[in-house]
Amino acid sequence: MSDAVAPNPVGWFEIYVDDLDRAVAFYETTFGVTLESLDAPDTGGPPLAMKTFPMSMKGRGAAGALVKMEGVGPGPGGTLIYFSCEDCAVEAARAADAGGAIQQEKMAIGPYGHIAVVKDTEGNLIGLHSQQ
């Protein structure tokens, strides 16, 4: 067995939205970052617009984007993505201030740290994870 560290299993994520500008404002406010436009590939399918979270193509872990695409909408009940945070209570409060809603206040998950769950302005549920 090699001593090399394997990459995390998720390589990309997409969060589908109805209103891209509103969603960008929510995520930029919640996480204190700037999302950037990404040229969408021409697949012959419905047109789509994408805004990426800060990422490094050489880094490990998952990168992803907000995506507006005809025929694919947001909503709870599907996959839950957890964003890493310094203190998930801080980002949960920012999410509420940015027009979202806290679904699960910060709670301990034993030796794995803490989590909170928020609903974004599009109706998607996202998780927040921190060690403290």
N, C-alpha and C. Protein backbone atom coordinates (compact mmCIF):
# COMPACT_ATOMS: atom_id res chain seq x y z
N MET A 1 0.84 -1.17 0.00
CA MET A 1 0.00 0.00 0.00
C MET A 1 0.89 1.24 0.00
N SER A 2 0.53 2.22 -0.78
CA SER A 2 1.29 3.45 -0.92
C SER A 2 1.04 4.38 0.27
N ASP A 3 2.06 5.19 0.59
CA ASP A 3 1.91 6.19 1.65
C ASP A 3 1.26 7.46 1.14
N ALA A 4 1.02 7.56 -0.17
CA ALA A 4 0.40 8.75 -0.74
C ALA A 4 -1.02 8.92 -0.20
N VAL A 5 -1.40 10.16 0.02
CA VAL A 5 -2.74 10.46 0.51
C VAL A 5 -3.69 10.47 -0.68
N ALA A 6 -4.74 9.68 -0.59
CA ALA A 6 -5.72 9.63 -1.66
C ALA A 6 -6.59 10.88 -1.63
N PRO A 7 -7.05 11.33 -2.78
CA PRO A 7 -7.94 12.49 -2.80
C PRO A 7 -9.29 12.14 -2.19
N ASN A 8 -10.02 13.16 -1.76
CA ASN A 8 -11.37 12.93 -1.27
C ASN A 8 -12.23 12.39 -2.41
N PRO A 9 -13.29 11.62 -2.11
CA PRO A 9 -14.04 10.95 -3.17
C PRO A 9 -14.88 11.87 -4.06
N VAL A 10 -15.25 13.04 -3.59
CA VAL A 10 -16.06 13.94 -4.42
C VAL A 10 -15.14 14.88 -5.17
N GLY A 11 -15.32 14.96 -6.48
CA GLY A 11 -14.46 15.80 -7.30
C GLY A 11 -15.12 17.06 -7.78
N TRP A 12 -16.44 17.17 -7.71
CA TRP A 12 -17.15 18.36 -8.20
C TRP A 12 -18.56 18.32 -7.66
N PHE A 13 -19.16 19.48 -7.42
CA PHE A 13 -20.57 19.53 -7.04
C PHE A 13 -21.24 20.69 -7.75
N GLU A 14 -22.54 20.56 -7.93
CA GLU A 14 -23.34 21.62 -8.52
C GLU A 14 -24.56 21.83 -7.65
N ILE A 15 -24.87 23.10 -7.37
CA ILE A 15 -26.06 23.48 -6.62
C ILE A 15 -26.95 24.21 -7.61
N TYR A 16 -28.10 23.63 -7.92
CA TYR A 16 -28.99 24.22 -8.92
C TYR A 16 -29.84 25.33 -8.30
N VAL A 17 -30.03 26.39 -9.07
CA VAL A 17 -30.71 27.59 -8.59
C VAL A 17 -31.71 28.08 -9.63
N ASP A 18 -32.68 28.86 -9.17
CA ASP A 18 -33.62 29.52 -10.08
C ASP A 18 -33.15 30.94 -10.40
N ASP A 19 -32.64 31.64 -9.40
CA ASP A 19 -32.20 33.02 -9.57
C ASP A 19 -30.70 33.07 -9.25
N LEU A 20 -29.88 33.09 -10.28
CA LEU A 20 -28.43 33.01 -10.10
C LEU A 20 -27.88 34.20 -9.32
N ASP A 21 -28.33 35.40 -9.64
CA ASP A 21 -27.82 36.59 -8.93
C ASP A 21 -28.16 36.53 -7.44
N ARG A 22 -29.38 36.13 -7.13
CA ARG A 22 -29.79 36.03 -5.71
C ARG A 22 -28.97 34.97 -5.00
N ALA A 23 -28.75 33.82 -5.66
CA ALA A 23 -27.98 32.74 -5.05
C ALA A 23 -26.52 33.15 -4.85
N VAL A 24 -25.94 33.83 -5.84
CA VAL A 24 -24.55 34.31 -5.71
C VAL A 24 -24.44 35.24 -4.50
N ALA A 25 -25.38 36.17 -4.36
CA ALA A 25 -25.35 37.09 -3.22
C ALA A 25 -25.43 36.33 -1.90
N PHE A 26 -26.27 35.31 -1.83
CA PHE A 26 -26.42 34.51 -0.61
C PHE A 26 -25.10 33.81 -0.26
N TYR A 27 -24.51 33.09 -1.20
CA TYR A 27 -23.30 32.33 -0.91
C TYR A 27 -22.09 33.23 -0.67
N GLU A 28 -21.99 34.32 -1.40
CA GLU A 28 -20.88 35.24 -1.15
C GLU A 28 -20.97 35.85 0.24
N THR A 29 -22.18 36.21 0.66
CA THR A 29 -22.37 36.78 1.99
C THR A 29 -22.14 35.74 3.08
N THR A 30 -22.69 34.55 2.91
CA THR A 30 -22.58 33.50 3.92
C THR A 30 -21.13 33.09 4.16
N PHE A 31 -20.35 32.92 3.08
CA PHE A 31 -18.99 32.41 3.23
C PHE A 31 -17.90 33.47 3.07
N GLY A 32 -18.27 34.71 2.79
CA GLY A 32 -17.27 35.77 2.68
C GLY A 32 -16.30 35.53 1.53
N VAL A 33 -16.81 35.04 0.39
CA VAL A 33 -15.99 34.74 -0.78
C VAL A 33 -16.58 35.44 -2.01
N THR A 34 -15.84 35.40 -3.10
CA THR A 34 -16.34 35.91 -4.37
C THR A 34 -16.43 34.74 -5.35
N LEU A 35 -17.61 34.54 -5.90
CA LEU A 35 -17.80 33.50 -6.91
C LEU A 35 -17.44 34.07 -8.28
N GLU A 36 -16.92 33.22 -9.15
CA GLU A 36 -16.48 33.66 -10.47
C GLU A 36 -17.26 32.94 -11.56
N SER A 37 -17.47 33.64 -12.68
CA SER A 37 -18.14 33.03 -13.82
C SER A 37 -17.28 31.91 -14.39
N LEU A 38 -17.95 30.86 -14.85
CA LEU A 38 -17.27 29.75 -15.48
C LEU A 38 -17.94 29.54 -16.84
N ASP A 39 -17.14 29.52 -17.90
CA ASP A 39 -17.68 29.26 -19.22
C ASP A 39 -18.24 27.85 -19.24
N ALA A 40 -19.52 27.75 -19.50
CA ALA A 40 -20.16 26.44 -19.54
C ALA A 40 -19.84 25.75 -20.85
N PRO A 41 -19.61 24.46 -20.80
CA PRO A 41 -19.33 23.73 -22.04
C PRO A 41 -20.57 23.69 -22.92
N ASP A 42 -20.37 23.72 -24.22
CA ASP A 42 -21.48 23.60 -25.17
C ASP A 42 -21.73 22.12 -25.40
N THR A 43 -22.75 21.60 -24.74
CA THR A 43 -23.04 20.17 -24.84
C THR A 43 -24.19 19.89 -25.79
N GLY A 44 -24.75 20.94 -26.38
CA GLY A 44 -25.91 20.77 -27.25
C GLY A 44 -27.21 20.70 -26.47
N GLY A 45 -27.11 20.71 -25.15
CA GLY A 45 -28.30 20.67 -24.30
C GLY A 45 -28.78 22.07 -23.98
N PRO A 46 -29.62 22.19 -22.96
CA PRO A 46 -30.14 23.50 -22.58
C PRO A 46 -29.00 24.42 -22.16
N PRO A 47 -29.15 25.72 -22.42
CA PRO A 47 -28.10 26.65 -21.99
C PRO A 47 -28.01 26.68 -20.47
N LEU A 48 -26.80 26.92 -19.97
CA LEU A 48 -26.63 27.02 -18.54
C LEU A 48 -25.64 28.11 -18.19
N ALA A 49 -25.80 28.66 -16.99
CA ALA A 49 -24.89 29.67 -16.45
C ALA A 49 -24.31 29.10 -15.17
N MET A 50 -23.00 29.33 -14.97
CA MET A 50 -22.33 28.77 -13.80
C MET A 50 -21.48 29.84 -13.10
N LYS A 51 -21.49 29.80 -11.77
CA LYS A 51 -20.63 30.63 -10.93
C LYS A 51 -19.91 29.70 -9.98
N THR A 52 -18.58 29.69 -10.02
CA THR A 52 -17.82 28.75 -9.21
C THR A 52 -17.43 29.34 -7.86
N PHE A 53 -17.31 28.44 -6.91
CA PHE A 53 -16.74 28.78 -5.61
C PHE A 53 -15.23 28.86 -5.81
N PRO A 54 -14.51 29.59 -4.93
CA PRO A 54 -13.05 29.62 -5.05
C PRO A 54 -12.49 28.21 -5.07
N MET A 55 -11.55 27.96 -5.99
CA MET A 55 -11.03 26.60 -6.10
C MET A 55 -9.62 26.62 -6.67
N SER A 56 -8.95 25.51 -6.46
CA SER A 56 -7.64 25.28 -7.05
C SER A 56 -7.74 23.99 -7.85
N MET A 57 -7.44 24.06 -9.13
CA MET A 57 -7.51 22.86 -9.96
C MET A 57 -6.47 21.83 -9.54
N LYS A 58 -5.43 22.26 -8.82
CA LYS A 58 -4.38 21.34 -8.37
C LYS A 58 -4.62 20.85 -6.95
N GLY A 59 -5.61 21.43 -6.26
CA GLY A 59 -5.86 21.06 -4.87
C GLY A 59 -6.67 19.79 -4.75
N ARG A 60 -6.71 19.25 -3.54
CA ARG A 60 -7.51 18.06 -3.26
C ARG A 60 -8.88 18.48 -2.76
N GLY A 61 -9.81 17.55 -2.81
CA GLY A 61 -11.15 17.84 -2.33
C GLY A 61 -12.06 18.27 -3.46
N ALA A 62 -13.21 18.75 -3.11
CA ALA A 62 -14.23 19.05 -4.11
C ALA A 62 -14.35 20.53 -4.39
N ALA A 63 -14.46 20.85 -5.66
CA ALA A 63 -14.79 22.19 -6.10
C ALA A 63 -16.19 22.12 -6.69
N GLY A 64 -16.81 23.27 -6.90
CA GLY A 64 -18.15 23.23 -7.46
C GLY A 64 -18.68 24.58 -7.83
N ALA A 65 -19.94 24.60 -8.26
CA ALA A 65 -20.53 25.81 -8.80
C ALA A 65 -22.03 25.88 -8.54
N LEU A 66 -22.55 27.10 -8.56
CA LEU A 66 -23.98 27.33 -8.65
C LEU A 66 -24.32 27.22 -10.13
N VAL A 67 -25.42 26.56 -10.45
CA VAL A 67 -25.78 26.34 -11.85
C VAL A 67 -27.24 26.69 -12.08
N LYS A 68 -27.48 27.49 -13.11
CA LYS A 68 -28.85 27.77 -13.56
C LYS A 68 -29.00 27.10 -14.91
N MET A 69 -29.92 26.12 -14.98
CA MET A 69 -30.12 25.38 -16.22
C MET A 69 -31.60 25.05 -16.37
N GLU A 70 -32.12 25.28 -17.55
CA GLU A 70 -33.51 24.99 -17.85
C GLU A 70 -33.81 23.52 -17.57
N GLY A 71 -34.92 23.30 -16.87
CA GLY A 71 -35.35 21.94 -16.60
C GLY A 71 -34.78 21.31 -15.34
N VAL A 72 -33.85 22.00 -14.67
CA VAL A 72 -33.27 21.46 -13.44
C VAL A 72 -33.40 22.53 -12.37
N GLY A 73 -34.16 22.24 -11.32
CA GLY A 73 -34.41 23.23 -10.29
C GLY A 73 -33.84 22.86 -8.95
N PRO A 74 -33.86 23.81 -8.03
CA PRO A 74 -33.37 23.57 -6.67
C PRO A 74 -34.42 22.87 -5.82
N GLY A 75 -34.00 22.49 -4.62
CA GLY A 75 -34.95 21.96 -3.67
C GLY A 75 -34.32 21.02 -2.66
N PRO A 76 -34.94 20.90 -1.50
CA PRO A 76 -34.43 20.00 -0.46
C PRO A 76 -34.78 18.55 -0.75
N GLY A 77 -34.11 17.64 -0.07
CA GLY A 77 -34.44 16.24 -0.17
C GLY A 77 -33.47 15.42 -0.99
N GLY A 78 -32.53 16.08 -1.65
CA GLY A 78 -31.55 15.35 -2.45
C GLY A 78 -30.25 15.22 -1.68
N THR A 79 -29.17 15.38 -2.37
CA THR A 79 -27.84 15.29 -1.76
C THR A 79 -27.60 16.49 -0.84
N LEU A 80 -26.97 16.26 0.29
CA LEU A 80 -26.63 17.34 1.21
C LEU A 80 -25.12 17.55 1.17
N ILE A 81 -24.70 18.73 0.77
CA ILE A 81 -23.29 19.08 0.69
C ILE A 81 -22.92 19.82 1.97
N TYR A 82 -21.79 19.42 2.59
CA TYR A 82 -21.30 20.11 3.78
C TYR A 82 -20.11 20.97 3.40
N PHE A 83 -20.18 22.26 3.74
CA PHE A 83 -19.08 23.18 3.54
C PHE A 83 -18.25 23.23 4.82
N SER A 84 -16.94 23.22 4.69
CA SER A 84 -16.04 23.32 5.84
C SER A 84 -16.01 24.77 6.32
N CYS A 85 -16.06 24.95 7.63
CA CYS A 85 -16.09 26.28 8.24
C CYS A 85 -15.16 26.31 9.44
N GLU A 86 -14.78 27.49 9.84
CA GLU A 86 -14.01 27.68 11.08
C GLU A 86 -14.91 27.41 12.28
N ASP A 87 -16.12 28.00 12.27
CA ASP A 87 -17.13 27.79 13.31
C ASP A 87 -18.48 27.84 12.62
N CYS A 88 -19.14 26.71 12.45
CA CYS A 88 -20.36 26.64 11.65
C CYS A 88 -21.48 27.53 12.17
N ALA A 89 -21.45 27.92 13.44
CA ALA A 89 -22.47 28.83 13.95
C ALA A 89 -22.34 30.21 13.30
N VAL A 90 -21.12 30.62 12.98
CA VAL A 90 -20.89 31.93 12.35
C VAL A 90 -21.51 31.94 10.95
N GLU A 91 -21.20 30.91 10.14
CA GLU A 91 -21.76 30.85 8.79
C GLU A 91 -23.28 30.66 8.81
N ALA A 92 -23.79 29.92 9.78
CA ALA A 92 -25.25 29.75 9.89
C ALA A 92 -25.92 31.10 10.14
N ALA A 93 -25.34 31.90 11.02
CA ALA A 93 -25.89 33.23 11.29
C ALA A 93 -25.81 34.11 10.04
N ARG A 94 -24.68 34.04 9.33
CA ARG A 94 -24.55 34.81 8.09
C ARG A 94 -25.59 34.36 7.06
N ALA A 95 -25.83 33.05 6.98
CA ALA A 95 -26.82 32.53 6.04
C ALA A 95 -28.20 33.12 6.33
N ALA A 96 -28.57 33.16 7.60
CA ALA A 96 -29.86 33.74 7.98
C ALA A 96 -29.91 35.22 7.63
N ASP A 97 -28.81 35.93 7.88
CA ASP A 97 -28.75 37.36 7.55
C ASP A 97 -28.82 37.60 6.04
N ALA A 98 -28.38 36.61 5.25
CA ALA A 98 -28.36 36.75 3.79
C ALA A 98 -29.67 36.30 3.14
N GLY A 99 -30.69 36.05 3.93
CA GLY A 99 -31.99 35.69 3.38
C GLY A 99 -32.32 34.21 3.45
N GLY A 100 -31.42 33.41 3.99
CA GLY A 100 -31.67 31.97 4.15
C GLY A 100 -32.35 31.71 5.48
N ALA A 101 -32.37 30.45 5.88
CA ALA A 101 -32.99 30.06 7.15
C ALA A 101 -32.18 28.93 7.78
N ILE A 102 -32.04 29.00 9.08
CA ILE A 102 -31.35 27.94 9.82
C ILE A 102 -32.34 26.80 10.04
N GLN A 103 -32.00 25.62 9.54
CA GLN A 103 -32.84 24.43 9.72
C GLN A 103 -32.42 23.63 10.95
N GLN A 104 -31.12 23.60 11.21
CA GLN A 104 -30.55 22.89 12.37
C GLN A 104 -29.46 23.77 12.94
N GLU A 105 -29.67 24.26 14.15
CA GLU A 105 -28.65 25.05 14.83
C GLU A 105 -27.39 24.21 15.01
N LYS A 106 -26.27 24.86 15.27
CA LYS A 106 -25.01 24.16 15.52
C LYS A 106 -25.22 23.09 16.59
N MET A 107 -24.74 21.88 16.28
CA MET A 107 -24.84 20.79 17.24
C MET A 107 -23.58 19.93 17.17
N ALA A 108 -23.22 19.35 18.29
CA ALA A 108 -22.03 18.51 18.36
C ALA A 108 -22.30 17.16 17.69
N ILE A 109 -21.28 16.64 17.02
CA ILE A 109 -21.36 15.30 16.42
C ILE A 109 -20.19 14.45 16.93
N GLY A 110 -20.00 14.52 18.24
CA GLY A 110 -18.96 13.72 18.89
C GLY A 110 -17.57 14.14 18.45
N PRO A 111 -16.70 13.16 18.23
CA PRO A 111 -15.31 13.48 17.89
C PRO A 111 -15.16 14.09 16.49
N TYR A 112 -16.26 14.19 15.75
CA TYR A 112 -16.19 14.72 14.38
C TYR A 112 -16.45 16.21 14.31
N GLY A 113 -16.66 16.87 15.45
CA GLY A 113 -16.84 18.31 15.45
C GLY A 113 -18.29 18.72 15.61
N HIS A 114 -18.70 19.68 14.78
CA HIS A 114 -20.05 20.25 14.87
C HIS A 114 -20.62 20.45 13.47
N ILE A 115 -21.95 20.44 13.39
CA ILE A 115 -22.61 20.73 12.13
C ILE A 115 -23.78 21.68 12.36
N ALA A 116 -24.19 22.34 11.30
CA ALA A 116 -25.43 23.11 11.24
C ALA A 116 -25.97 22.88 9.83
N VAL A 117 -27.27 23.06 9.66
CA VAL A 117 -27.89 22.92 8.34
C VAL A 117 -28.71 24.18 8.09
N VAL A 118 -28.53 24.76 6.89
CA VAL A 118 -29.27 25.96 6.52
C VAL A 118 -29.96 25.76 5.18
N LYS A 119 -31.01 26.55 4.95
CA LYS A 119 -31.69 26.57 3.66
C LYS A 119 -31.25 27.84 2.96
N ASP A 120 -30.81 27.72 1.69
CA ASP A 120 -30.39 28.91 0.95
C ASP A 120 -31.60 29.64 0.38
N THR A 121 -31.36 30.72 -0.33
CA THR A 121 -32.45 31.54 -0.87
C THR A 121 -33.20 30.85 -2.00
N GLU A 122 -32.68 29.71 -2.49
CA GLU A 122 -33.32 28.97 -3.58
C GLU A 122 -34.12 27.78 -3.08
N GLY A 123 -34.02 27.48 -1.78
CA GLY A 123 -34.72 26.34 -1.22
C GLY A 123 -33.85 25.11 -1.03
N ASN A 124 -32.56 25.19 -1.39
CA ASN A 124 -31.63 24.08 -1.20
C ASN A 124 -31.18 24.00 0.25
N LEU A 125 -31.03 22.80 0.77
CA LEU A 125 -30.41 22.61 2.08
C LEU A 125 -28.93 22.38 1.88
N ILE A 126 -28.11 23.05 2.70
CA ILE A 126 -26.66 22.82 2.70
C ILE A 126 -26.23 22.62 4.14
N GLY A 127 -25.19 21.82 4.31
CA GLY A 127 -24.63 21.57 5.63
C GLY A 127 -23.39 22.42 5.85
N LEU A 128 -23.14 22.72 7.11
CA LEU A 128 -21.94 23.45 7.54
C LEU A 128 -21.23 22.57 8.56
N HIS A 129 -19.92 22.41 8.43
CA HIS A 129 -19.16 21.57 9.35
C HIS A 129 -17.95 22.32 9.87
N SER A 130 -17.72 22.20 11.17
CA SER A 130 -16.51 22.77 11.77
C SER A 130 -16.04 21.86 12.89
N GLN A 131 -14.76 21.97 13.23
CA GLN A 131 -14.23 21.18 14.33
C GLN A 131 -14.57 21.80 15.68
N GLN A 132 -14.79 23.09 15.71
CA GLN A 132 -15.14 23.74 16.99
C GLN A 132 -16.60 24.08 17.08
